[in-house]
N, C-alpha and C. Protein backbone atom coordinates (compact mmCIF):
# COMPACT_ATOMS: atom_id res chain seq x y z
N MET A 1 0.84 -1.18 0.00
CA MET A 1 0.00 0.00 0.00
C MET A 1 0.89 1.24 0.00
N SER A 2 0.47 2.23 -0.73
CA SER A 2 1.23 3.48 -0.73
C SER A 2 0.75 4.36 0.41
N ASN A 3 1.52 5.37 0.70
CA ASN A 3 1.18 6.28 1.80
C ASN A 3 -0.02 7.15 1.50
N HIS A 4 -0.45 7.20 0.25
CA HIS A 4 -1.51 8.13 -0.14
C HIS A 4 -2.87 7.46 -0.34
N GLU A 5 -2.97 6.20 0.00
CA GLU A 5 -4.23 5.50 -0.16
C GLU A 5 -5.10 5.68 1.07
N ASP A 6 -6.41 5.80 0.85
CA ASP A 6 -7.34 5.87 1.96
C ASP A 6 -7.58 4.46 2.50
N LEU A 7 -7.48 4.32 3.82
CA LEU A 7 -7.71 3.03 4.45
C LEU A 7 -9.13 2.95 4.97
N VAL A 8 -9.69 1.76 4.86
CA VAL A 8 -11.07 1.50 5.29
C VAL A 8 -11.04 0.30 6.23
N LEU A 9 -11.79 0.41 7.32
CA LEU A 9 -11.89 -0.70 8.27
C LEU A 9 -12.64 -1.85 7.62
N LEU A 10 -11.99 -3.01 7.58
CA LEU A 10 -12.61 -4.21 7.00
C LEU A 10 -13.13 -5.14 8.07
N TYR A 11 -12.38 -5.29 9.17
CA TYR A 11 -12.70 -6.34 10.14
C TYR A 11 -12.18 -5.96 11.51
N THR A 12 -12.93 -6.32 12.53
CA THR A 12 -12.50 -6.20 13.92
C THR A 12 -12.74 -7.54 14.58
N GLY A 13 -11.70 -8.09 15.19
CA GLY A 13 -11.84 -9.39 15.84
C GLY A 13 -10.64 -9.68 16.70
N THR A 14 -10.52 -10.93 17.11
CA THR A 14 -9.39 -11.32 17.93
C THR A 14 -8.11 -11.13 17.14
N GLU A 15 -7.01 -10.98 17.86
CA GLU A 15 -5.73 -10.80 17.18
C GLU A 15 -5.39 -12.00 16.31
N ILE A 16 -5.71 -13.18 16.78
CA ILE A 16 -5.42 -14.41 16.02
C ILE A 16 -6.19 -14.42 14.71
N ASN A 17 -7.50 -14.20 14.77
CA ASN A 17 -8.31 -14.21 13.55
C ASN A 17 -7.90 -13.08 12.61
N THR A 18 -7.57 -11.94 13.17
CA THR A 18 -7.16 -10.81 12.35
C THR A 18 -5.87 -11.12 11.61
N ASN A 19 -4.92 -11.76 12.28
CA ASN A 19 -3.66 -12.13 11.62
C ASN A 19 -3.87 -13.19 10.54
N ILE A 20 -4.76 -14.14 10.79
CA ILE A 20 -5.07 -15.16 9.78
C ILE A 20 -5.67 -14.50 8.55
N LEU A 21 -6.62 -13.61 8.77
CA LEU A 21 -7.26 -12.92 7.65
C LEU A 21 -6.25 -12.07 6.89
N LYS A 22 -5.35 -11.42 7.59
CA LYS A 22 -4.30 -10.62 6.94
C LYS A 22 -3.47 -11.50 6.01
N GLU A 23 -3.10 -12.69 6.47
CA GLU A 23 -2.32 -13.62 5.64
C GLU A 23 -3.10 -14.06 4.41
N ILE A 24 -4.38 -14.33 4.58
CA ILE A 24 -5.22 -14.72 3.44
C ILE A 24 -5.28 -13.59 2.42
N LEU A 25 -5.45 -12.37 2.90
CA LEU A 25 -5.49 -11.22 2.00
C LEU A 25 -4.16 -11.08 1.25
N GLU A 26 -3.06 -11.23 1.97
CA GLU A 26 -1.74 -11.12 1.34
C GLU A 26 -1.56 -12.20 0.27
N ASP A 27 -2.06 -13.42 0.54
CA ASP A 27 -2.00 -14.50 -0.45
C ASP A 27 -2.77 -14.12 -1.71
N ASN A 28 -3.75 -13.23 -1.56
CA ASN A 28 -4.56 -12.77 -2.69
C ASN A 28 -4.11 -11.40 -3.19
N LYS A 29 -2.89 -11.02 -2.84
CA LYS A 29 -2.27 -9.77 -3.31
C LYS A 29 -3.02 -8.52 -2.87
N ILE A 30 -3.61 -8.58 -1.66
CA ILE A 30 -4.29 -7.43 -1.08
C ILE A 30 -3.54 -7.04 0.19
N GLY A 31 -2.94 -5.86 0.17
CA GLY A 31 -2.23 -5.37 1.34
C GLY A 31 -3.21 -4.94 2.42
N SER A 32 -2.78 -5.04 3.67
CA SER A 32 -3.64 -4.64 4.78
C SER A 32 -2.77 -4.15 5.94
N LEU A 33 -3.43 -3.54 6.89
CA LEU A 33 -2.76 -2.99 8.06
C LEU A 33 -3.56 -3.37 9.30
N ILE A 34 -2.87 -3.89 10.31
CA ILE A 34 -3.52 -4.24 11.58
C ILE A 34 -3.23 -3.14 12.59
N ARG A 35 -4.27 -2.74 13.30
CA ARG A 35 -4.11 -1.79 14.40
C ARG A 35 -4.64 -2.45 15.66
N ASN A 36 -3.78 -2.55 16.64
CA ASN A 36 -4.13 -3.16 17.91
C ASN A 36 -3.78 -2.15 19.00
N ASP A 37 -4.79 -1.48 19.54
CA ASP A 37 -4.55 -0.41 20.51
C ASP A 37 -3.92 -0.91 21.80
N MET A 38 -4.22 -2.15 22.20
CA MET A 38 -3.63 -2.65 23.43
C MET A 38 -2.12 -2.79 23.26
N LYS A 39 -1.68 -3.39 22.17
CA LYS A 39 -0.26 -3.55 21.94
C LYS A 39 0.44 -2.20 21.80
N SER A 40 -0.23 -1.26 21.15
CA SER A 40 0.36 0.07 21.00
C SER A 40 0.56 0.72 22.36
N GLY A 41 -0.43 0.61 23.23
CA GLY A 41 -0.35 1.19 24.57
C GLY A 41 0.73 0.54 25.41
N LEU A 42 0.82 -0.77 25.31
CA LEU A 42 1.85 -1.48 26.07
C LEU A 42 3.25 -1.11 25.58
N SER A 43 3.42 -1.00 24.28
CA SER A 43 4.72 -0.65 23.72
C SER A 43 5.15 0.75 24.14
N ALA A 44 4.19 1.64 24.26
CA ALA A 44 4.49 3.02 24.64
C ALA A 44 4.60 3.18 26.15
N GLY A 45 4.27 2.14 26.90
CA GLY A 45 4.37 2.20 28.35
C GLY A 45 3.15 2.78 29.04
N PHE A 46 2.04 2.83 28.34
CA PHE A 46 0.81 3.40 28.91
C PHE A 46 -0.14 2.35 29.46
N GLY A 47 0.23 1.10 29.42
CA GLY A 47 -0.73 0.05 29.78
C GLY A 47 -1.54 -0.23 28.54
N GLY A 48 -2.70 -0.69 28.71
CA GLY A 48 -3.51 -0.99 27.53
C GLY A 48 -4.86 -1.51 27.93
N GLY A 49 -5.53 -2.05 26.98
CA GLY A 49 -6.87 -2.57 27.20
C GLY A 49 -6.86 -3.80 28.06
N TYR A 50 -7.31 -4.87 27.53
CA TYR A 50 -7.40 -6.13 28.25
C TYR A 50 -6.91 -7.24 27.33
N PRO A 51 -6.56 -8.38 27.88
CA PRO A 51 -5.93 -9.43 27.08
C PRO A 51 -6.73 -9.88 25.86
N ASP A 52 -8.03 -9.87 25.94
CA ASP A 52 -8.86 -10.31 24.82
C ASP A 52 -9.28 -9.14 23.92
N SER A 53 -8.51 -8.07 23.96
CA SER A 53 -8.86 -6.90 23.17
C SER A 53 -8.85 -7.25 21.69
N GLU A 54 -9.53 -6.44 20.93
CA GLU A 54 -9.69 -6.73 19.52
C GLU A 54 -8.69 -5.96 18.68
N ALA A 55 -8.41 -6.49 17.53
CA ALA A 55 -7.53 -5.84 16.57
C ALA A 55 -8.37 -5.44 15.36
N ASN A 56 -8.01 -4.33 14.75
CA ASN A 56 -8.71 -3.82 13.57
C ASN A 56 -7.86 -4.08 12.34
N LEU A 57 -8.49 -4.50 11.26
CA LEU A 57 -7.80 -4.75 10.00
C LEU A 57 -8.32 -3.78 8.95
N TYR A 58 -7.39 -3.04 8.36
CA TYR A 58 -7.72 -2.03 7.36
C TYR A 58 -7.17 -2.44 6.00
N VAL A 59 -7.89 -2.08 4.95
CA VAL A 59 -7.43 -2.27 3.58
C VAL A 59 -7.62 -0.95 2.84
N SER A 60 -6.96 -0.84 1.70
CA SER A 60 -7.15 0.37 0.90
C SER A 60 -8.57 0.39 0.33
N ASP A 61 -9.05 1.59 0.12
CA ASP A 61 -10.40 1.78 -0.41
C ASP A 61 -10.57 1.07 -1.75
N ARG A 62 -9.52 1.09 -2.58
CA ARG A 62 -9.64 0.47 -3.91
C ARG A 62 -9.70 -1.06 -3.84
N ASN A 63 -9.24 -1.65 -2.74
CA ASN A 63 -9.28 -3.11 -2.58
C ASN A 63 -10.41 -3.60 -1.69
N PHE A 64 -11.24 -2.68 -1.21
CA PHE A 64 -12.24 -3.04 -0.22
C PHE A 64 -13.22 -4.10 -0.73
N GLU A 65 -13.73 -3.95 -1.93
CA GLU A 65 -14.74 -4.90 -2.43
C GLU A 65 -14.17 -6.30 -2.56
N SER A 66 -12.96 -6.42 -3.08
CA SER A 66 -12.32 -7.74 -3.20
C SER A 66 -12.05 -8.33 -1.83
N ALA A 67 -11.60 -7.48 -0.91
CA ALA A 67 -11.31 -7.94 0.45
C ALA A 67 -12.59 -8.37 1.16
N LYS A 68 -13.69 -7.70 0.88
CA LYS A 68 -14.97 -8.03 1.52
C LYS A 68 -15.42 -9.43 1.11
N VAL A 69 -15.21 -9.79 -0.13
CA VAL A 69 -15.57 -11.14 -0.60
C VAL A 69 -14.76 -12.18 0.16
N ILE A 70 -13.46 -11.92 0.32
CA ILE A 70 -12.58 -12.83 1.06
C ILE A 70 -12.99 -12.89 2.52
N LEU A 71 -13.34 -11.74 3.09
CA LEU A 71 -13.80 -11.69 4.49
C LEU A 71 -15.05 -12.54 4.67
N ASP A 72 -15.99 -12.42 3.77
CA ASP A 72 -17.24 -13.20 3.89
C ASP A 72 -16.95 -14.70 3.88
N GLU A 73 -16.02 -15.13 3.01
CA GLU A 73 -15.64 -16.55 2.97
C GLU A 73 -14.95 -16.96 4.27
N PHE A 74 -14.10 -16.09 4.78
CA PHE A 74 -13.40 -16.35 6.04
C PHE A 74 -14.39 -16.51 7.20
N LEU A 75 -15.34 -15.59 7.29
CA LEU A 75 -16.34 -15.65 8.37
C LEU A 75 -17.20 -16.90 8.26
N LYS A 76 -17.54 -17.29 7.03
CA LYS A 76 -18.32 -18.51 6.83
C LYS A 76 -17.52 -19.73 7.30
N SER A 77 -16.22 -19.75 7.02
CA SER A 77 -15.41 -20.89 7.46
C SER A 77 -15.31 -20.95 8.98
N LEU A 78 -15.29 -19.78 9.63
CA LEU A 78 -15.30 -19.76 11.09
C LEU A 78 -16.60 -20.34 11.65
N GLU A 79 -17.71 -19.95 11.03
CA GLU A 79 -19.01 -20.47 11.46
C GLU A 79 -19.09 -21.98 11.25
N ASP A 80 -18.59 -22.45 10.12
CA ASP A 80 -18.63 -23.88 9.82
C ASP A 80 -17.80 -24.67 10.84
N ASN A 81 -16.68 -24.11 11.27
CA ASN A 81 -15.82 -24.79 12.25
C ASN A 81 -16.44 -24.83 13.64
N GLU A 82 -17.32 -23.87 13.93
CA GLU A 82 -17.98 -23.86 15.25
C GLU A 82 -19.12 -24.86 15.32
N SER A 83 -19.62 -25.29 14.17
CA SER A 83 -20.76 -26.23 14.14
C SER A 83 -20.33 -27.62 14.47
């Protein structure tokens, strides 16, 4: 992703699921960015949220529709595994 692209929130979930989804997107040539406020706070020495805090996954606006299709498949696979 270039520095001039608008980022759009695609997904909010556990850090594990967010990292898995990021890898799937990368396999499909879609760049993404994870923001985890708890880790940022801990790194800066401010403390942070709580251990089960959520991570946000952002993609560029131009890749949002393609990423959304992949997200829907990912969420369906999570539901199927819970059954």
